[in-house]
C-alpha cells in the first residue's frame, strides 16, 4: 500500500489524535489538540500526515529552530506497521526540514521505547552522548512525578476487527429480577457521561478521557457520528456501549463497552456486546470493517469475549504506560480490578 504525504488539515485533527493515542504517543501532561494547534501556528513547524486508502495512517511533526531540526509524534497505525510507512513519513519530514535550510535533525526518544531506537538506526540515525534537560515555562495540564521516574505499567494492546456481520442469531435479553432495557442517550451531558465512563472504567484504569476537559469531551460524545447506548436493569444504569462512526464508511468502532461493577457476572455483557455489534453493522451503507481494541489492564475475559463475538486479532502492541493512579487520573480510593495493576 502506497503512502501519500501532505500537511495536516483542519478536518484531519480528530483522526490524527486518534492515531497518536493508538500508538501510545500521548501523555497526560501533553494535550495533543493543543500541541497540534501550537505547531500549526508557526511557519517554522509543520505536521505531515500519511494517507493510505483515504485514511490517515501515519504522521510526523517537524520543526526548525534555526540551528537544528526536530521531529515529534512520528506514528504509524499499529496494524500497518512494518509496511514501509514509517520510513516514508520520516523521509517526508526530513524533506520538509531540508527545504527550510535545516542542516541536521534530532529526535527525543523515551528511554523505555527501545524498539523504536532500532528502527531509527536502520534509516541512518545515530545515538549521541547527550544529557536531556527540560523546564516548563507554563503550568503543565497534569503534574508529572516530582521525584524519580513515574511508575510504568506493562500493557499489551490487542487490536481486533471483523469485516462482515457475524452469522449468528441475536441474543435475547438475559433474565433478571427487574426489567432489562436498552436505549440510546441522545446528546448526553458531560456529567452523565463521566458518571458512566468513570464508574465502569475506573476499576480497569480507563484514564484517557479523565484527562480531557469538558469542552473536548463534549465535542466527541455529542458528535452526531458517535452513539451512546445505555443498558439498564430496573431503570438503574448497568452498562454502556459507545459506537464511533466518524471514520465511515471505511470503518466503525466499538469505542467503549463495559458494565458497572455491581452488574458484572449476571449475563448482561454478552447480550450488550452482541447488540452493539449488530447495531454497528445495521447501517446503510454498512461499514467496511468494525474495530475494537482491548488490553491486559482490562477484564481477564475481555479478549475472549470479543473473539467469541466474532472479532479477530489483527495486531498486538506491547508498551509501558504511566500509572494513571499515580498521575492523578484515577482516584486512589477506587477499588482497582485490573489484573495488570
C-alpha atoms as a PDB file:
ATOM      1  CA  UNK A   1       0.000   0.000   0.000  1.00  0.00           C
ATOM      2  CA  UNK A   2       1.434   3.363  -1.046  1.00  0.00           C
ATOM      3  CA  UNK A   3       1.560   6.340   1.310  1.00  0.00           C
ATOM      4  CA  UNK A   4       0.630   9.849   0.162  1.00  0.00           C
ATOM      5  CA  UNK A   5       2.050  12.554   2.439  1.00  0.00           C
ATOM      6  CA  UNK A   6       0.827  16.139   2.867  1.00  0.00           C
ATOM      7  CA  UNK A   7       0.433  18.850   5.531  1.00  0.00           C
ATOM      8  CA  UNK A   8      -2.330  18.334   8.064  1.00  0.00           C
ATOM      9  CA  UNK A   9      -5.716  19.989   7.507  1.00  0.00           C
ATOM     10  CA  UNK A  10      -8.376  21.115   9.974  1.00  0.00           C
ATOM     11  CA  UNK A  11     -10.580  18.105   9.214  1.00  0.00           C
ATOM     12  CA  UNK A  12      -7.683  15.726   9.969  1.00  0.00           C
ATOM     13  CA  UNK A  13      -7.261  16.676  13.628  1.00  0.00           C
ATOM     14  CA  UNK A  14      -9.657  14.096  15.212  1.00  0.00           C
ATOM     15  CA  UNK A  15      -8.196  11.244  13.149  1.00  0.00           C
ATOM     16  CA  UNK A  16      -4.656  12.448  13.891  1.00  0.00           C
ATOM     17  CA  UNK A  17      -5.260  12.457  17.646  1.00  0.00           C
ATOM     18  CA  UNK A  18      -6.837   9.010  17.380  1.00  0.00           C
ATOM     19  CA  UNK A  19      -3.705   7.788  15.578  1.00  0.00           C
ATOM     20  CA  UNK A  20      -1.426   9.193  18.282  1.00  0.00           C
ATOM     21  CA  UNK A  21      -3.488   7.576  21.016  1.00  0.00           C
ATOM     22  CA  UNK A  22      -3.467   4.228  19.198  1.00  0.00           C
ATOM     23  CA  UNK A  23       0.328   4.445  19.005  1.00  0.00           C
ATOM     24  CA  UNK A  24       0.732   5.403  22.675  1.00  0.00           C
ATOM     25  CA  UNK A  25       2.309   8.788  21.914  1.00  0.00           C
ATOM     26  CA  UNK A  26       0.106  10.952  24.112  1.00  0.00           C
ATOM     27  CA  UNK A  27       0.860  11.808  27.713  1.00  0.00           C
ATOM     28  CA  UNK A  28      -1.318  13.421  30.397  1.00  0.00           C
ATOM     29  CA  UNK A  29       0.925  16.495  30.504  1.00  0.00           C
ATOM     30  CA  UNK A  30       0.916  16.994  26.699  1.00  0.00           C
ATOM     31  CA  UNK A  31      -2.554  17.694  25.334  1.00  0.00           C
ATOM     32  CA  UNK A  32      -2.440  16.568  21.678  1.00  0.00           C
ATOM     33  CA  UNK A  33      -5.011  19.096  20.475  1.00  0.00           C
ATOM     34  CA  UNK A  34      -3.001  21.953  21.980  1.00  0.00           C
ATOM     35  CA  UNK A  35       0.231  20.540  20.544  1.00  0.00           C
ATOM     36  CA  UNK A  36      -1.322  20.442  17.074  1.00  0.00           C
ATOM     37  CA  UNK A  37      -2.650  23.987  17.317  1.00  0.00           C
ATOM     38  CA  UNK A  38       0.699  25.331  18.553  1.00  0.00           C
ATOM     39  CA  UNK A  39       2.691  23.599  15.802  1.00  0.00           C
ATOM     40  CA  UNK A  40       0.357  24.887  13.094  1.00  0.00           C
ATOM     41  CA  UNK A  41       0.561  28.422  14.451  1.00  0.00           C
ATOM     42  CA  UNK A  42       4.221  28.949  13.498  1.00  0.00           C
ATOM     43  CA  UNK A  43       5.790  28.826   9.998  1.00  0.00           C
ATOM     44  CA  UNK A  44       8.894  27.129  11.427  1.00  0.00           C
ATOM     45  CA  UNK A  45       6.945  23.933  12.150  1.00  0.00           C
ATOM     46  CA  UNK A  46       4.742  21.562  10.206  1.00  0.00           C
ATOM     47  CA  UNK A  47       2.682  18.441  10.815  1.00  0.00           C
ATOM     48  CA  UNK A  48       2.720  15.961   7.968  1.00  0.00           C
ATOM     49  CA  UNK A  49       0.223  13.133   7.634  1.00  0.00           C
ATOM     50  CA  UNK A  50       0.377  10.000   5.530  1.00  0.00           C
ATOM     51  CA  UNK A  51      -2.758   8.727   3.808  1.00  0.00           C
ATOM     52  CA  UNK A  52      -3.470   5.221   2.560  1.00  0.00           C
ATOM     53  CA  UNK A  53      -6.805   4.268   1.029  1.00  0.00           C
ATOM     54  CA  UNK A  54      -8.316   7.533   2.180  1.00  0.00           C
ATOM     55  CA  UNK A  55      -7.385   7.099   5.860  1.00  0.00           C
ATOM     56  CA  UNK A  56      -4.696   8.839   7.906  1.00  0.00           C
ATOM     57  CA  UNK A  57      -2.296   6.096   8.938  1.00  0.00           C
ATOM     58  CA  UNK A  58       0.970   7.966   9.641  1.00  0.00           C
ATOM     59  CA  UNK A  59       2.222  11.301  10.927  1.00  0.00           C
ATOM     60  CA  UNK A  60       5.303  13.326  11.805  1.00  0.00           C
ATOM     61  CA  UNK A  61       5.659  16.766  13.390  1.00  0.00           C
ATOM     62  CA  UNK A  62       8.744  18.679  12.237  1.00  0.00           C
ATOM     63  CA  UNK A  63      10.214  21.944  13.478  1.00  0.00           C
ATOM     64  CA  UNK A  64      13.313  24.044  12.751  1.00  0.00           C
ATOM     65  CA  UNK A  65      14.689  26.338  15.457  1.00  0.00           C
ATOM     66  CA  UNK A  66      17.268  27.997  13.195  1.00  0.00           C
ATOM     67  CA  UNK A  67      20.070  25.689  14.327  1.00  0.00           C
ATOM     68  CA  UNK A  68      18.688  22.150  14.409  1.00  0.00           C
ATOM     69  CA  UNK A  69      15.593  20.403  13.191  1.00  0.00           C
ATOM     70  CA  UNK A  70      13.407  18.245  15.416  1.00  0.00           C
ATOM     71  CA  UNK A  71      10.817  15.549  14.850  1.00  0.00           C
ATOM     72  CA  UNK A  72       7.957  14.586  17.165  1.00  0.00           C
ATOM     73  CA  UNK A  73       4.813  12.456  17.026  1.00  0.00           C
ATOM     74  CA  UNK A  74       6.208  10.086  14.407  1.00  0.00           C
ATOM     75  CA  UNK A  75       3.473   7.474  14.181  1.00  0.00           C
ATOM     76  CA  UNK A  76       2.204   4.638  12.018  1.00  0.00           C
ATOM     77  CA  UNK A  77      -1.118   2.936  12.695  1.00  0.00           C
ATOM     78  CA  UNK A  78      -0.300  -0.255  14.626  1.00  0.00           C
ATOM     79  CA  UNK A  79      -1.937  -2.658  12.155  1.00  0.00           C
ATOM     80  CA  UNK A  80       0.051  -1.141   9.257  1.00  0.00           C
ATOM     81  CA  UNK A  81       3.483  -1.043  10.862  1.00  0.00           C
ATOM     82  CA  UNK A  82       6.173  -2.947   9.008  1.00  0.00           C
ATOM     83  CA  UNK A  83       4.989  -1.875   5.534  1.00  0.00           C
ATOM     84  CA  UNK A  84       7.456   0.972   4.976  1.00  0.00           C
ATOM     85  CA  UNK A  85       5.100   3.760   6.063  1.00  0.00           C
ATOM     86  CA  UNK A  86       7.403   4.805   8.915  1.00  0.00           C
ATOM     87  CA  UNK A  87      10.328   5.255   6.555  1.00  0.00           C
ATOM     88  CA  UNK A  88       8.113   7.227   4.152  1.00  0.00           C
ATOM     89  CA  UNK A  89       6.746   9.666   6.732  1.00  0.00           C
ATOM     90  CA  UNK A  90      10.214  10.237   8.240  1.00  0.00           C
ATOM     91  CA  UNK A  91      11.549  10.939   4.737  1.00  0.00           C
ATOM     92  CA  UNK A  92       8.747  13.443   4.163  1.00  0.00           C
ATOM     93  CA  UNK A  93       9.618  15.235   7.420  1.00  0.00           C
ATOM     94  CA  UNK A  94      13.310  15.263   6.504  1.00  0.00           C
ATOM     95  CA  UNK A  95      12.489  16.697   3.066  1.00  0.00           C
ATOM     96  CA  UNK A  96      10.441  19.487   4.671  1.00  0.00           C
ATOM     97  CA  UNK A  97      13.289  20.338   7.065  1.00  0.00           C
ATOM     98  CA  UNK A  98      15.783  20.293   4.216  1.00  0.00           C
ATOM     99  CA  UNK A  99      13.623  22.815   2.335  1.00  0.00           C
ATOM    100  CA  UNK A 100      13.853  25.135   5.369  1.00  0.00           C
ATOM    101  CA  UNK A 101      17.659  25.032   5.149  1.00  0.00           C
ATOM    102  CA  UNK A 102      17.968  22.760   8.171  1.00  0.00           C
ATOM    103  CA  UNK A 103      21.410  21.048   8.323  1.00  0.00           C
ATOM    104  CA  UNK A 104      20.691  18.364  10.941  1.00  0.00           C
ATOM    105  CA  UNK A 105      17.670  16.712  12.517  1.00  0.00           C
ATOM    106  CA  UNK A 106      17.432  15.334  16.059  1.00  0.00           C
ATOM    107  CA  UNK A 107      14.956  13.187  17.977  1.00  0.00           C
ATOM    108  CA  UNK A 108      13.893  12.778  21.588  1.00  0.00           C
ATOM    109  CA  UNK A 109      13.064   9.136  22.355  1.00  0.00           C
ATOM    110  CA  UNK A 110      11.810   7.874  25.693  1.00  0.00           C
ATOM    111  CA  UNK A 111      14.248   5.512  27.411  1.00  0.00           C
ATOM    112  CA  UNK A 112      11.733   2.652  27.581  1.00  0.00           C
ATOM    113  CA  UNK A 113      10.989   2.804  23.854  1.00  0.00           C
ATOM    114  CA  UNK A 114      13.858   0.523  22.859  1.00  0.00           C
ATOM    115  CA  UNK A 115      12.151  -0.910  19.797  1.00  0.00           C
ATOM    116  CA  UNK A 116      11.932   2.431  18.015  1.00  0.00           C
ATOM    117  CA  UNK A 117      15.644   3.084  18.612  1.00  0.00           C
ATOM    118  CA  UNK A 118      16.496   0.178  16.336  1.00  0.00           C
ATOM    119  CA  UNK A 119      14.056   1.405  13.688  1.00  0.00           C
ATOM    120  CA  UNK A 120      15.673   4.843  13.511  1.00  0.00           C
ATOM    121  CA  UNK A 121      19.144   3.324  13.398  1.00  0.00           C
ATOM    122  CA  UNK A 122      18.130   1.384  10.296  1.00  0.00           C
ATOM    123  CA  UNK A 123      17.296   4.648   8.489  1.00  0.00           C
ATOM    124  CA  UNK A 124      20.577   6.357   9.369  1.00  0.00           C
ATOM    125  CA  UNK A 125      20.087   7.909  12.805  1.00  0.00           C
ATOM    126  CA  UNK A 126      22.819   7.570  15.438  1.00  0.00           C
ATOM    127  CA  UNK A 127      22.748   7.637  19.222  1.00  0.00           C
ATOM    128  CA  UNK A 128      24.675  10.579  20.634  1.00  0.00           C
ATOM    129  CA  UNK A 129      26.084  11.096  24.155  1.00  0.00           C
ATOM    130  CA  UNK A 130      23.860  13.930  25.316  1.00  0.00           C
ATOM    131  CA  UNK A 131      22.045  14.790  28.553  1.00  0.00           C
ATOM    132  CA  UNK A 132      18.467  15.955  28.016  1.00  0.00           C
ATOM    133  CA  UNK A 133      17.177  18.614  30.403  1.00  0.00           C
ATOM    134  CA  UNK A 134      13.844  20.417  30.391  1.00  0.00           C
ATOM    135  CA  UNK A 135      11.865  23.094  32.204  1.00  0.00           C
ATOM    136  CA  UNK A 136       8.197  24.023  31.938  1.00  0.00           C
ATOM    137  CA  UNK A 137       7.601  27.701  31.097  1.00  0.00           C
ATOM    138  CA  UNK A 138       3.856  27.251  31.657  1.00  0.00           C
ATOM    139  CA  UNK A 139       1.954  25.079  34.102  1.00  0.00           C
ATOM    140  CA  UNK A 140       1.512  21.624  32.512  1.00  0.00           C
ATOM    141  CA  UNK A 141      -2.053  20.255  32.278  1.00  0.00           C
ATOM    142  CA  UNK A 142      -1.065  17.377  34.564  1.00  0.00           C
ATOM    143  CA  UNK A 143       1.760  17.414  37.093  1.00  0.00           C
ATOM    144  CA  UNK A 144       4.492  14.873  36.455  1.00  0.00           C
ATOM    145  CA  UNK A 145       6.072  12.932  39.277  1.00  0.00           C
ATOM    146  CA  UNK A 146       8.295  15.355  41.161  1.00  0.00           C
ATOM    147  CA  UNK A 147      10.907  12.839  42.218  1.00  0.00           C
ATOM    148  CA  UNK A 148      12.144   9.781  40.382  1.00  0.00           C
ATOM    149  CA  UNK A 149      10.514   8.202  37.364  1.00  0.00           C
ATOM    150  CA  UNK A 150       6.758   7.637  37.294  1.00  0.00           C
ATOM    151  CA  UNK A 151       5.611   4.070  37.805  1.00  0.00           C
ATOM    152  CA  UNK A 152       5.171   2.338  34.466  1.00  0.00           C
ATOM    153  CA  UNK A 153       2.694  -0.442  33.778  1.00  0.00           C
ATOM    154  CA  UNK A 154       3.366  -3.168  31.227  1.00  0.00           C
ATOM    155  CA  UNK A 155       0.483  -3.247  28.764  1.00  0.00           C
ATOM    156  CA  UNK A 156      -0.216  -5.387  25.721  1.00  0.00           C
ATOM    157  CA  UNK A 157      -2.889  -3.970  23.429  1.00  0.00           C
ATOM    158  CA  UNK A 158      -4.811  -6.249  21.062  1.00  0.00           C
ATOM    159  CA  UNK A 159      -6.398  -4.646  18.006  1.00  0.00           C
ATOM    160  CA  UNK A 160      -9.329  -6.633  16.641  1.00  0.00           C
ATOM    161  CA  UNK A 161     -11.550  -6.347  13.585  1.00  0.00           C
ATOM    162  CA  UNK A 162     -14.375  -8.079  11.752  1.00  0.00           C
ATOM    163  CA  UNK A 163     -15.091  -7.436   8.077  1.00  0.00           C
ATOM    164  CA  UNK A 164     -18.673  -8.745   7.938  1.00  0.00           C
ATOM    165  CA  UNK A 165     -21.611  -9.086  10.328  1.00  0.00           C
ATOM    166  CA  UNK A 166     -21.386 -12.270  12.426  1.00  0.00           C
ATOM    167  CA  UNK A 167     -23.621 -15.125  11.283  1.00  0.00           C
ATOM    168  CA  UNK A 168     -25.499 -15.849  14.480  1.00  0.00           C
ATOM    169  CA  UNK A 169     -28.939 -15.148  15.902  1.00  0.00           C
ATOM    170  CA  UNK A 170     -29.372 -12.113  18.137  1.00  0.00           C
ATOM    171  CA  UNK A 171     -29.220 -12.861  21.844  1.00  0.00           C
ATOM    172  CA  UNK A 172     -32.412 -12.255  23.833  1.00  0.00           C
ATOM    173  CA  UNK A 173     -32.194 -10.019  26.907  1.00  0.00           C
ATOM    174  CA  UNK A 174     -30.994 -12.033  29.927  1.00  0.00           C
ATOM    175  CA  UNK A 175     -33.471 -12.882  32.634  1.00  0.00           C
ATOM    176  CA  UNK A 176     -33.282 -10.612  35.643  1.00  0.00           C
ATOM    177  CA  UNK A 177     -35.363  -9.838  38.692  1.00  0.00           C
ATOM    178  CA  UNK A 178     -36.016  -6.356  37.323  1.00  0.00           C
ATOM    179  CA  UNK A 179     -36.916  -5.318  33.738  1.00  0.00           C
ATOM    180  CA  UNK A 180     -33.941  -5.011  31.380  1.00  0.00           C
ATOM    181  CA  UNK A 181     -33.996  -2.073  28.955  1.00  0.00           C
ATOM    182  CA  UNK A 182     -31.612  -0.599  26.398  1.00  0.00           C
ATOM    183  CA  UNK A 183     -31.853   2.874  24.949  1.00  0.00           C
ATOM    184  CA  UNK A 184     -29.744   5.482  23.200  1.00  0.00           C
ATOM    185  CA  UNK A 185     -28.626   8.520  25.187  1.00  0.00           C
ATOM    186  CA  UNK A 186     -29.061  11.331  22.669  1.00  0.00           C
ATOM    187  CA  UNK A 187     -26.739  14.300  23.090  1.00  0.00           C
ATOM    188  CA  UNK A 188     -25.520  13.082  26.521  1.00  0.00           C
ATOM    189  CA  UNK A 189     -24.394  15.648  29.043  1.00  0.00           C
ATOM    190  CA  UNK A 190     -20.770  15.585  30.109  1.00  0.00           C
ATOM    191  CA  UNK A 191     -21.686  14.933  33.749  1.00  0.00           C
ATOM    192  CA  UNK A 192     -23.851  11.924  32.871  1.00  0.00           C
ATOM    193  CA  UNK A 193     -21.205  10.522  30.530  1.00  0.00           C
ATOM    194  CA  UNK A 194     -18.476  10.948  33.126  1.00  0.00           C
ATOM    195  CA  UNK A 195     -20.619   9.064  35.650  1.00  0.00           C
ATOM    196  CA  UNK A 196     -20.913   6.099  33.259  1.00  0.00           C
ATOM    197  CA  UNK A 197     -17.339   6.238  31.988  1.00  0.00           C
ATOM    198  CA  UNK A 198     -15.749   6.582  35.427  1.00  0.00           C
ATOM    199  CA  UNK A 199     -17.966   4.055  37.213  1.00  0.00           C
ATOM    200  CA  UNK A 200     -17.429   1.436  34.523  1.00  0.00           C
ATOM    201  CA  UNK A 201     -13.843   2.256  33.625  1.00  0.00           C
ATOM    202  CA  UNK A 202     -12.010   3.386  36.776  1.00  0.00           C
ATOM    203  CA  UNK A 203     -11.577  -0.181  38.133  1.00  0.00           C
ATOM    204  CA  UNK A 204      -9.923  -1.082  34.798  1.00  0.00           C
ATOM    205  CA  UNK A 205      -7.801   2.083  34.608  1.00  0.00           C
ATOM    206  CA  UNK A 206      -9.658   3.830  31.784  1.00  0.00           C
ATOM    207  CA  UNK A 207      -7.877   7.129  32.289  1.00  0.00           C
ATOM    208  CA  UNK A 208      -7.601   8.726  28.837  1.00  0.00           C
ATOM    209  CA  UNK A 209     -10.901  10.608  28.893  1.00  0.00           C
ATOM    210  CA  UNK A 210     -10.418  11.627  32.516  1.00  0.00           C
ATOM    211  CA  UNK A 211      -7.554  13.765  31.193  1.00  0.00           C
ATOM    212  CA  UNK A 212      -9.885  15.652  28.826  1.00  0.00           C
ATOM    213  CA  UNK A 213     -11.595  18.884  29.784  1.00  0.00           C
ATOM    214  CA  UNK A 214     -15.377  19.157  29.465  1.00  0.00           C
ATOM    215  CA  UNK A 215     -15.303  21.031  26.165  1.00  0.00           C
ATOM    216  CA  UNK A 216     -13.117  18.445  24.471  1.00  0.00           C
ATOM    217  CA  UNK A 217     -15.152  15.556  25.857  1.00  0.00           C
ATOM    218  CA  UNK A 218     -18.426  17.138  24.747  1.00  0.00           C
ATOM    219  CA  UNK A 219     -17.100  17.572  21.206  1.00  0.00           C
ATOM    220  CA  UNK A 220     -16.733  13.787  20.940  1.00  0.00           C
ATOM    221  CA  UNK A 221     -19.667  12.345  22.855  1.00  0.00           C
ATOM    222  CA  UNK A 222     -22.123  14.853  21.336  1.00  0.00           C
ATOM    223  CA  UNK A 223     -20.805  14.345  17.799  1.00  0.00           C
ATOM    224  CA  UNK A 224     -23.684  13.062  15.613  1.00  0.00           C
ATOM    225  CA  UNK A 225     -21.393  10.249  14.430  1.00  0.00           C
ATOM    226  CA  UNK A 226     -20.861   8.948  17.988  1.00  0.00           C
ATOM    227  CA  UNK A 227     -23.698   6.944  19.556  1.00  0.00           C
ATOM    228  CA  UNK A 228     -24.066   6.012  23.229  1.00  0.00           C
ATOM    229  CA  UNK A 229     -26.384   3.175  24.285  1.00  0.00           C
ATOM    230  CA  UNK A 230     -27.117   2.549  27.959  1.00  0.00           C
ATOM    231  CA  UNK A 231     -28.262  -0.775  29.397  1.00  0.00           C
ATOM    232  CA  UNK A 232     -30.444  -0.531  32.498  1.00  0.00           C
ATOM    233  CA  UNK A 233     -31.835  -3.069  34.966  1.00  0.00           C
ATOM    234  CA  UNK A 234     -34.911  -1.864  36.766  1.00  0.00           C
ATOM    235  CA  UNK A 235     -34.197   1.631  35.494  1.00  0.00           C
ATOM    236  CA  UNK A 236     -30.694   1.644  37.016  1.00  0.00           C
ATOM    237  CA  UNK A 237     -27.747   2.049  34.574  1.00  0.00           C
ATOM    238  CA  UNK A 238     -25.902  -1.270  34.334  1.00  0.00           C
ATOM    239  CA  UNK A 239     -23.517  -0.705  31.440  1.00  0.00           C
ATOM    240  CA  UNK A 240     -22.995   1.045  28.132  1.00  0.00           C
ATOM    241  CA  UNK A 241     -21.625   0.623  24.644  1.00  0.00           C
ATOM    242  CA  UNK A 242     -20.240   3.564  22.672  1.00  0.00           C
ATOM    243  CA  UNK A 243     -20.121   3.278  18.867  1.00  0.00           C
ATOM    244  CA  UNK A 244     -17.922   5.598  16.808  1.00  0.00           C
ATOM    245  CA  UNK A 245     -18.865   6.134  13.150  1.00  0.00           C
ATOM    246  CA  UNK A 246     -16.564   9.073  12.423  1.00  0.00           C
ATOM    247  CA  UNK A 247     -14.457   7.015  10.002  1.00  0.00           C
ATOM    248  CA  UNK A 248     -17.449   5.829   8.000  1.00  0.00           C
ATOM    249  CA  UNK A 249     -17.839   4.295   5.535  1.00  0.00           C
ATOM    250  CA  UNK A 250     -14.341   2.790   5.813  1.00  0.00           C
ATOM    251  CA  UNK A 251     -14.777   1.609   9.410  1.00  0.00           C
ATOM    252  CA  UNK A 252     -16.810   1.823  12.599  1.00  0.00           C
ATOM    253  CA  UNK A 253     -15.502   1.197  16.098  1.00  0.00           C
ATOM    254  CA  UNK A 254     -16.770  -0.145  19.389  1.00  0.00           C
ATOM    255  CA  UNK A 255     -15.037   2.696  21.231  1.00  0.00           C
ATOM    256  CA  UNK A 256     -16.075   1.650  24.745  1.00  0.00           C
ATOM    257  CA  UNK A 257     -18.039  -1.233  26.197  1.00  0.00           C
ATOM    258  CA  UNK A 258     -18.456  -2.322  29.797  1.00  0.00           C
ATOM    259  CA  UNK A 259     -20.647  -2.940  32.820  1.00  0.00           C
ATOM    260  CA  UNK A 260     -20.847  -1.223  36.160  1.00  0.00           C
ATOM    261  CA  UNK A 261     -19.123  -3.398  38.812  1.00  0.00           C
ATOM    262  CA  UNK A 262     -22.418  -4.262  40.527  1.00  0.00           C
ATOM    263  CA  UNK A 263     -23.735  -5.906  37.358  1.00  0.00           C
ATOM    264  CA  UNK A 264     -20.730  -7.992  36.280  1.00  0.00           C
ATOM    265  CA  UNK A 265     -21.370 -11.741  36.222  1.00  0.00           C
ATOM    266  CA  UNK A 266     -25.101 -11.579  35.527  1.00  0.00           C
ATOM    267  CA  UNK A 267     -25.002 -12.486  31.825  1.00  0.00           C
ATOM    268  CA  UNK A 268     -25.518  -8.891  30.708  1.00  0.00           C
ATOM    269  CA  UNK A 269     -22.147  -8.471  28.988  1.00  0.00           C
ATOM    270  CA  UNK A 270     -22.585 -10.872  26.027  1.00  0.00           C
ATOM    271  CA  UNK A 271     -26.062  -9.505  25.343  1.00  0.00           C
ATOM    272  CA  UNK A 272     -24.902  -5.868  25.353  1.00  0.00           C
ATOM    273  CA  UNK A 273     -21.808  -6.573  23.247  1.00  0.00           C
ATOM    274  CA  UNK A 274     -23.675  -8.581  20.614  1.00  0.00           C
ATOM    275  CA  UNK A 275     -26.395  -5.946  20.482  1.00  0.00           C
ATOM    276  CA  UNK A 276     -23.786  -3.228  19.962  1.00  0.00           C
ATOM    277  CA  UNK A 277     -22.141  -5.202  17.165  1.00  0.00           C
ATOM    278  CA  UNK A 278     -25.480  -5.726  15.398  1.00  0.00           C
ATOM    279  CA  UNK A 279     -26.295  -2.039  15.818  1.00  0.00           C
ATOM    280  CA  UNK A 280     -22.953  -1.019  14.278  1.00  0.00           C
ATOM    281  CA  UNK A 281     -23.480  -3.195  11.214  1.00  0.00           C
ATOM    282  CA  UNK A 282     -27.110  -2.146  10.734  1.00  0.00           C
ATOM    283  CA  UNK A 283     -26.228   0.919   8.620  1.00  0.00           C
ATOM    284  CA  UNK A 284     -26.857   1.949   5.048  1.00  0.00           C
ATOM    285  CA  UNK A 285     -24.185   1.823   3.866  1.00  0.00           C
ATOM    286  CA  UNK A 286     -22.701  -0.552   6.416  1.00  0.00           C
ATOM    287  CA  UNK A 287     -19.069  -0.117   7.484  1.00  0.00           C
ATOM    288  CA  UNK A 288     -16.393  -1.994   5.608  1.00  0.00           C
ATOM    289  CA  UNK A 289     -14.936  -3.108   8.934  1.00  0.00           C
ATOM    290  CA  UNK A 290     -15.803  -2.993  12.618  1.00  0.00           C
ATOM    291  CA  UNK A 291     -12.939  -2.409  15.055  1.00  0.00           C
ATOM    292  CA  UNK A 292     -12.339  -2.742  18.764  1.00  0.00           C
ATOM    293  CA  UNK A 293      -9.277  -2.966  20.989  1.00  0.00           C
ATOM    294  CA  UNK A 294      -8.583  -4.264  24.453  1.00  0.00           C
ATOM    295  CA  UNK A 295      -5.525  -4.575  26.653  1.00  0.00           C
ATOM    296  CA  UNK A 296      -4.102  -6.579  29.521  1.00  0.00           C
ATOM    297  CA  UNK A 297      -5.374  -3.984  32.016  1.00  0.00           C
ATOM    298  CA  UNK A 298      -8.939  -4.861  31.042  1.00  0.00           C
ATOM    299  CA  UNK A 299     -11.179  -7.626  32.409  1.00  0.00           C
ATOM    300  CA  UNK A 300      -9.387 -11.002  32.016  1.00  0.00           C
ATOM    301  CA  UNK A 301     -12.183 -12.346  29.807  1.00  0.00           C
ATOM    302  CA  UNK A 302     -12.450  -9.229  27.594  1.00  0.00           C
ATOM    303  CA  UNK A 303     -10.265 -10.518  24.766  1.00  0.00           C
ATOM    304  CA  UNK A 304     -12.006 -13.899  24.715  1.00  0.00           C
ATOM    305  CA  UNK A 305     -15.409 -12.206  24.744  1.00  0.00           C
ATOM    306  CA  UNK A 306     -14.539 -10.103  21.708  1.00  0.00           C
ATOM    307  CA  UNK A 307     -13.208 -13.134  19.845  1.00  0.00           C
ATOM    308  CA  UNK A 308     -16.301 -15.164  20.723  1.00  0.00           C
ATOM    309  CA  UNK A 309     -18.435 -12.299  19.401  1.00  0.00           C
ATOM    310  CA  UNK A 310     -16.712 -12.546  16.013  1.00  0.00           C
ATOM    311  CA  UNK A 311     -13.696 -10.251  16.199  1.00  0.00           C
ATOM    312  CA  UNK A 312     -10.242 -11.432  15.103  1.00  0.00           C
ATOM    313  CA  UNK A 313      -6.918 -10.093  16.358  1.00  0.00           C
ATOM    314  CA  UNK A 314      -5.128  -8.203  13.564  1.00  0.00           C
ATOM    315  CA  UNK A 315      -2.164  -6.866  15.561  1.00  0.00           C
ATOM    316  CA  UNK A 316      -0.715  -6.548  19.037  1.00  0.00           C
ATOM    317  CA  UNK A 317       1.459  -3.939  20.674  1.00  0.00           C
ATOM    318  CA  UNK A 318       3.372  -4.108  23.952  1.00  0.00           C
ATOM    319  CA  UNK A 319       4.403  -0.940  25.752  1.00  0.00           C
ATOM    320  CA  UNK A 320       4.767   0.724  29.128  1.00  0.00           C
ATOM    321  CA  UNK A 321       2.285   3.389  30.240  1.00  0.00           C
ATOM    322  CA  UNK A 322       2.416   5.752  33.228  1.00  0.00           C
ATOM    323  CA  UNK A 323       0.387   4.602  36.216  1.00  0.00           C
ATOM    324  CA  UNK A 324      -2.878   6.613  35.942  1.00  0.00           C
ATOM    325  CA  UNK A 325      -3.420   6.426  39.702  1.00  0.00           C
ATOM    326  CA  UNK A 326      -0.004   7.930  40.404  1.00  0.00           C
ATOM    327  CA  UNK A 327      -0.616  10.544  37.683  1.00  0.00           C
ATOM    328  CA  UNK A 328      -3.812  11.574  39.455  1.00  0.00           C
ATOM    329  CA  UNK A 329      -6.308  10.493  36.788  1.00  0.00           C
ATOM    330  CA  UNK A 330      -7.856   7.638  38.773  1.00  0.00           C
ATOM    331  CA  UNK A 331      -8.715   8.430  42.421  1.00  0.00           C
ATOM    332  CA  UNK A 332      -6.706   6.444  44.951  1.00  0.00           C
ATOM    333  CA  UNK A 333      -9.967   5.491  46.645  1.00  0.00           C
ATOM    334  CA  UNK A 334     -11.117   3.422  43.643  1.00  0.00           C
ATOM    335  CA  UNK A 335     -11.016  -0.343  44.018  1.00  0.00           C
ATOM    336  CA  UNK A 336      -8.803  -1.392  41.105  1.00  0.00           C
ATOM    337  CA  UNK A 337      -9.880  -4.645  39.453  1.00  0.00           C
ATOM    338  CA  UNK A 338      -7.344  -4.586  36.624  1.00  0.00           C
ATOM    339  CA  UNK A 339      -5.209  -7.770  36.626  1.00  0.00           C
ATOM    340  CA  UNK A 340      -2.293  -5.799  35.181  1.00  0.00           C
ATOM    341  CA  UNK A 341      -2.084  -3.285  38.038  1.00  0.00           C
END
